[in-house]
Structure formats: C-alpha cells, structure tokens
C-alpha cells in the first residue's frame, strides 16, 4: 500500500510539472498545476462518489471556491485531472459532499452542473 501511495504521489508530481507549462487563465496568476497540487488531498474523493472526503480536502476546496470558483472547475476539467484518473462527475460533487454552503450550485462546469 505504501508503494502505491508513493507511486501515486510521484505520478501526481510529474503531472503537475507537465501542467505548469500551461498558461494561467481561470486560476488567475496561479498556474493550474499549482491549483491542482493544492487539491491533492481530494484525489481519492474524486474517484469514488461514496468515499469519505478528508477534512483537509474540504478546507482546500472551500478556500478555492472563496477565492476563485472558476479555477476549481478548470482544474476538474483539465488534462491533468484526466491523466490522474479523476472522474469529473464525481469531482463536481465534492463541494456538496463537504457541505460547503457558498458553492456555485446550479452553475455549469463544462457539461456538468454543480450540485
């Protein structure tokens, strides 16, 4: 199990490095790779709709929603997220699963609608 976590962390670091060359847009001055790295505690919760969302993930998602909600959508739909195996349909529900009240409910994120 430790080996799997190490490999997953190494893969995520590699993908973040690759994504850091992308232009910052929806995430303002923060490169999308850096925004994705800040949400790494959420990785397991974005793959399993019934999995427990760690409190640190909820804190990171809440902070990103307060500062730049469009960035969260951009991260979830990015090639980086796809390469990491994130399911956008599951990831879009993380703010609701965290009971974040100020989430952009009803807003579109690609072909998904924030619950």
C-alpha atoms as a PDB file:
ATOM      1  CA  UNK A   1       0.000   0.000   0.000  1.00  0.00           C
ATOM      2  CA  UNK A   2       2.865   2.371   0.812  1.00  0.00           C
ATOM      3  CA  UNK A   3       4.390   1.642  -2.573  1.00  0.00           C
ATOM      4  CA  UNK A   4       1.095   2.507  -4.294  1.00  0.00           C
ATOM      5  CA  UNK A   5       0.876   5.821  -2.410  1.00  0.00           C
ATOM      6  CA  UNK A   6       4.466   6.662  -3.323  1.00  0.00           C
ATOM      7  CA  UNK A   7       3.852   5.868  -6.997  1.00  0.00           C
ATOM      8  CA  UNK A   8       0.631   7.910  -6.986  1.00  0.00           C
ATOM      9  CA  UNK A   9       2.435  10.861  -5.370  1.00  0.00           C
ATOM     10  CA  UNK A  10       5.314  10.609  -7.843  1.00  0.00           C
ATOM     11  CA  UNK A  11       2.882  10.461 -10.762  1.00  0.00           C
ATOM     12  CA  UNK A  12       0.938  13.458  -9.459  1.00  0.00           C
ATOM     13  CA  UNK A  13       4.176  15.442  -9.047  1.00  0.00           C
ATOM     14  CA  UNK A  14       5.207  14.580 -12.582  1.00  0.00           C
ATOM     15  CA  UNK A  15       1.817  15.587 -13.981  1.00  0.00           C
ATOM     16  CA  UNK A  16       1.913  18.858 -12.052  1.00  0.00           C
ATOM     17  CA  UNK A  17       5.311  19.607 -13.519  1.00  0.00           C
ATOM     18  CA  UNK A  18       3.947  18.983 -17.005  1.00  0.00           C
ATOM     19  CA  UNK A  19       0.877  21.113 -16.360  1.00  0.00           C
ATOM     20  CA  UNK A  20       2.910  24.016 -15.009  1.00  0.00           C
ATOM     21  CA  UNK A  21       3.768  24.930 -18.593  1.00  0.00           C
ATOM     22  CA  UNK A  22       0.082  25.653 -19.297  1.00  0.00           C
ATOM     23  CA  UNK A  23      -0.988  29.281 -19.304  1.00  0.00           C
ATOM     24  CA  UNK A  24      -2.752  30.590 -16.229  1.00  0.00           C
ATOM     25  CA  UNK A  25      -6.263  31.565 -17.116  1.00  0.00           C
ATOM     26  CA  UNK A  26      -9.197  30.627 -14.937  1.00  0.00           C
ATOM     27  CA  UNK A  27      -6.873  30.331 -11.948  1.00  0.00           C
ATOM     28  CA  UNK A  28      -5.517  33.851 -12.291  1.00  0.00           C
ATOM     29  CA  UNK A  29      -1.812  34.116 -11.600  1.00  0.00           C
ATOM     30  CA  UNK A  30      -1.686  30.652 -10.074  1.00  0.00           C
ATOM     31  CA  UNK A  31      -0.761  28.023 -12.671  1.00  0.00           C
ATOM     32  CA  UNK A  32      -3.430  25.354 -12.974  1.00  0.00           C
ATOM     33  CA  UNK A  33      -0.868  22.734 -11.980  1.00  0.00           C
ATOM     34  CA  UNK A  34      -0.266  24.519  -8.698  1.00  0.00           C
ATOM     35  CA  UNK A  35      -4.015  24.742  -8.071  1.00  0.00           C
ATOM     36  CA  UNK A  36      -4.327  21.027  -8.807  1.00  0.00           C
ATOM     37  CA  UNK A  37      -1.467  20.246  -6.421  1.00  0.00           C
ATOM     38  CA  UNK A  38      -3.218  22.140  -3.640  1.00  0.00           C
ATOM     39  CA  UNK A  39      -6.214  19.834  -4.129  1.00  0.00           C
ATOM     40  CA  UNK A  40      -4.182  16.615  -3.951  1.00  0.00           C
ATOM     41  CA  UNK A  41      -5.806  15.636  -0.606  1.00  0.00           C
ATOM     42  CA  UNK A  42      -9.034  15.270  -2.619  1.00  0.00           C
ATOM     43  CA  UNK A  43      -7.691  12.755  -5.111  1.00  0.00           C
ATOM     44  CA  UNK A  44      -9.370   9.671  -3.639  1.00  0.00           C
ATOM     45  CA  UNK A  45     -12.680  11.524  -3.155  1.00  0.00           C
ATOM     46  CA  UNK A  46     -12.753  12.453  -6.856  1.00  0.00           C
ATOM     47  CA  UNK A  47     -12.729   8.823  -7.893  1.00  0.00           C
ATOM     48  CA  UNK A  48     -15.278   7.312  -5.508  1.00  0.00           C
ATOM     49  CA  UNK A  49     -18.679   9.001  -5.045  1.00  0.00           C
ATOM     50  CA  UNK A  50     -19.214   7.167  -1.750  1.00  0.00           C
ATOM     51  CA  UNK A  51     -15.722   7.671  -0.372  1.00  0.00           C
ATOM     52  CA  UNK A  52     -15.106   9.856   2.659  1.00  0.00           C
ATOM     53  CA  UNK A  53     -13.888  13.340   1.819  1.00  0.00           C
ATOM     54  CA  UNK A  54     -10.979  14.254   4.102  1.00  0.00           C
ATOM     55  CA  UNK A  55     -11.411  17.476   6.136  1.00  0.00           C
ATOM     56  CA  UNK A  56      -8.204  18.888   4.642  1.00  0.00           C
ATOM     57  CA  UNK A  57      -9.722  18.417   1.179  1.00  0.00           C
ATOM     58  CA  UNK A  58     -12.865  20.279   2.230  1.00  0.00           C
ATOM     59  CA  UNK A  59     -10.749  23.127   3.608  1.00  0.00           C
ATOM     60  CA  UNK A  60      -8.768  23.403   0.350  1.00  0.00           C
ATOM     61  CA  UNK A  61     -11.904  23.251  -1.823  1.00  0.00           C
ATOM     62  CA  UNK A  62     -13.680  25.822   0.357  1.00  0.00           C
ATOM     63  CA  UNK A  63     -10.727  28.196   0.136  1.00  0.00           C
ATOM     64  CA  UNK A  64     -10.538  27.839  -3.638  1.00  0.00           C
ATOM     65  CA  UNK A  65     -14.279  28.441  -4.005  1.00  0.00           C
ATOM     66  CA  UNK A  66     -13.987  31.610  -1.898  1.00  0.00           C
ATOM     67  CA  UNK A  67     -11.050  32.971  -3.887  1.00  0.00           C
ATOM     68  CA  UNK A  68     -11.715  31.686  -7.411  1.00  0.00           C
ATOM     69  CA  UNK A  69     -14.576  29.242  -8.070  1.00  0.00           C
ATOM     70  CA  UNK A  70     -13.849  29.131 -11.811  1.00  0.00           C
ATOM     71  CA  UNK A  71     -10.425  27.725 -11.007  1.00  0.00           C
ATOM     72  CA  UNK A  72     -11.956  24.681  -9.324  1.00  0.00           C
ATOM     73  CA  UNK A  73     -13.915  23.901 -12.472  1.00  0.00           C
ATOM     74  CA  UNK A  74     -10.839  24.420 -14.640  1.00  0.00           C
ATOM     75  CA  UNK A  75      -8.819  22.015 -12.503  1.00  0.00           C
ATOM     76  CA  UNK A  76     -11.526  19.337 -12.596  1.00  0.00           C
ATOM     77  CA  UNK A  77     -11.790  19.522 -16.386  1.00  0.00           C
ATOM     78  CA  UNK A  78      -8.063  19.864 -17.082  1.00  0.00           C
ATOM     79  CA  UNK A  79      -5.980  17.276 -18.915  1.00  0.00           C
ATOM     80  CA  UNK A  80      -4.012  16.957 -15.675  1.00  0.00           C
ATOM     81  CA  UNK A  81      -7.136  15.752 -13.843  1.00  0.00           C
ATOM     82  CA  UNK A  82      -7.945  13.332 -16.643  1.00  0.00           C
ATOM     83  CA  UNK A  83      -4.420  11.912 -16.551  1.00  0.00           C
ATOM     84  CA  UNK A  84      -4.684  11.497 -12.762  1.00  0.00           C
ATOM     85  CA  UNK A  85      -7.860   9.408 -13.207  1.00  0.00           C
ATOM     86  CA  UNK A  86     -10.219  11.989 -11.721  1.00  0.00           C
ATOM     87  CA  UNK A  87     -13.871  11.457 -12.607  1.00  0.00           C
ATOM     88  CA  UNK A  88     -15.306  14.961 -13.253  1.00  0.00           C
ATOM     89  CA  UNK A  89     -18.834  13.767 -12.495  1.00  0.00           C
ATOM     90  CA  UNK A  90     -17.686  12.673  -9.041  1.00  0.00           C
ATOM     91  CA  UNK A  91     -15.297  15.596  -8.509  1.00  0.00           C
ATOM     92  CA  UNK A  92     -18.017  18.179  -9.199  1.00  0.00           C
ATOM     93  CA  UNK A  93     -19.915  16.885  -6.159  1.00  0.00           C
ATOM     94  CA  UNK A  94     -17.017  17.212  -3.691  1.00  0.00           C
ATOM     95  CA  UNK A  95     -18.083  20.703  -2.507  1.00  0.00           C
ATOM     96  CA  UNK A  96     -21.569  19.357  -1.745  1.00  0.00           C
ATOM     97  CA  UNK A  97     -20.127  16.306  -0.025  1.00  0.00           C
ATOM     98  CA  UNK A  98     -18.090  18.748   2.096  1.00  0.00           C
ATOM     99  CA  UNK A  99     -21.277  20.690   2.960  1.00  0.00           C
ATOM    100  CA  UNK A 100     -19.798  23.911   1.573  1.00  0.00           C
ATOM    101  CA  UNK A 101     -22.653  26.380   1.624  1.00  0.00           C
ATOM    102  CA  UNK A 102     -21.211  29.025  -0.690  1.00  0.00           C
ATOM    103  CA  UNK A 103     -20.523  26.588  -3.544  1.00  0.00           C
ATOM    104  CA  UNK A 104     -21.642  27.714  -7.003  1.00  0.00           C
ATOM    105  CA  UNK A 105     -24.660  25.366  -7.018  1.00  0.00           C
ATOM    106  CA  UNK A 106     -26.534  25.305 -10.302  1.00  0.00           C
ATOM    107  CA  UNK A 107     -23.578  26.716 -12.266  1.00  0.00           C
ATOM    108  CA  UNK A 108     -22.193  24.841 -15.230  1.00  0.00           C
ATOM    109  CA  UNK A 109     -18.745  23.319 -15.205  1.00  0.00           C
ATOM    110  CA  UNK A 110     -18.265  22.004 -18.700  1.00  0.00           C
ATOM    111  CA  UNK A 111     -21.077  19.535 -19.294  1.00  0.00           C
ATOM    112  CA  UNK A 112     -21.666  19.164 -15.555  1.00  0.00           C
ATOM    113  CA  UNK A 113     -23.854  21.219 -13.224  1.00  0.00           C
ATOM    114  CA  UNK A 114     -22.619  21.880  -9.700  1.00  0.00           C
ATOM    115  CA  UNK A 115     -24.982  20.182  -7.224  1.00  0.00           C
END
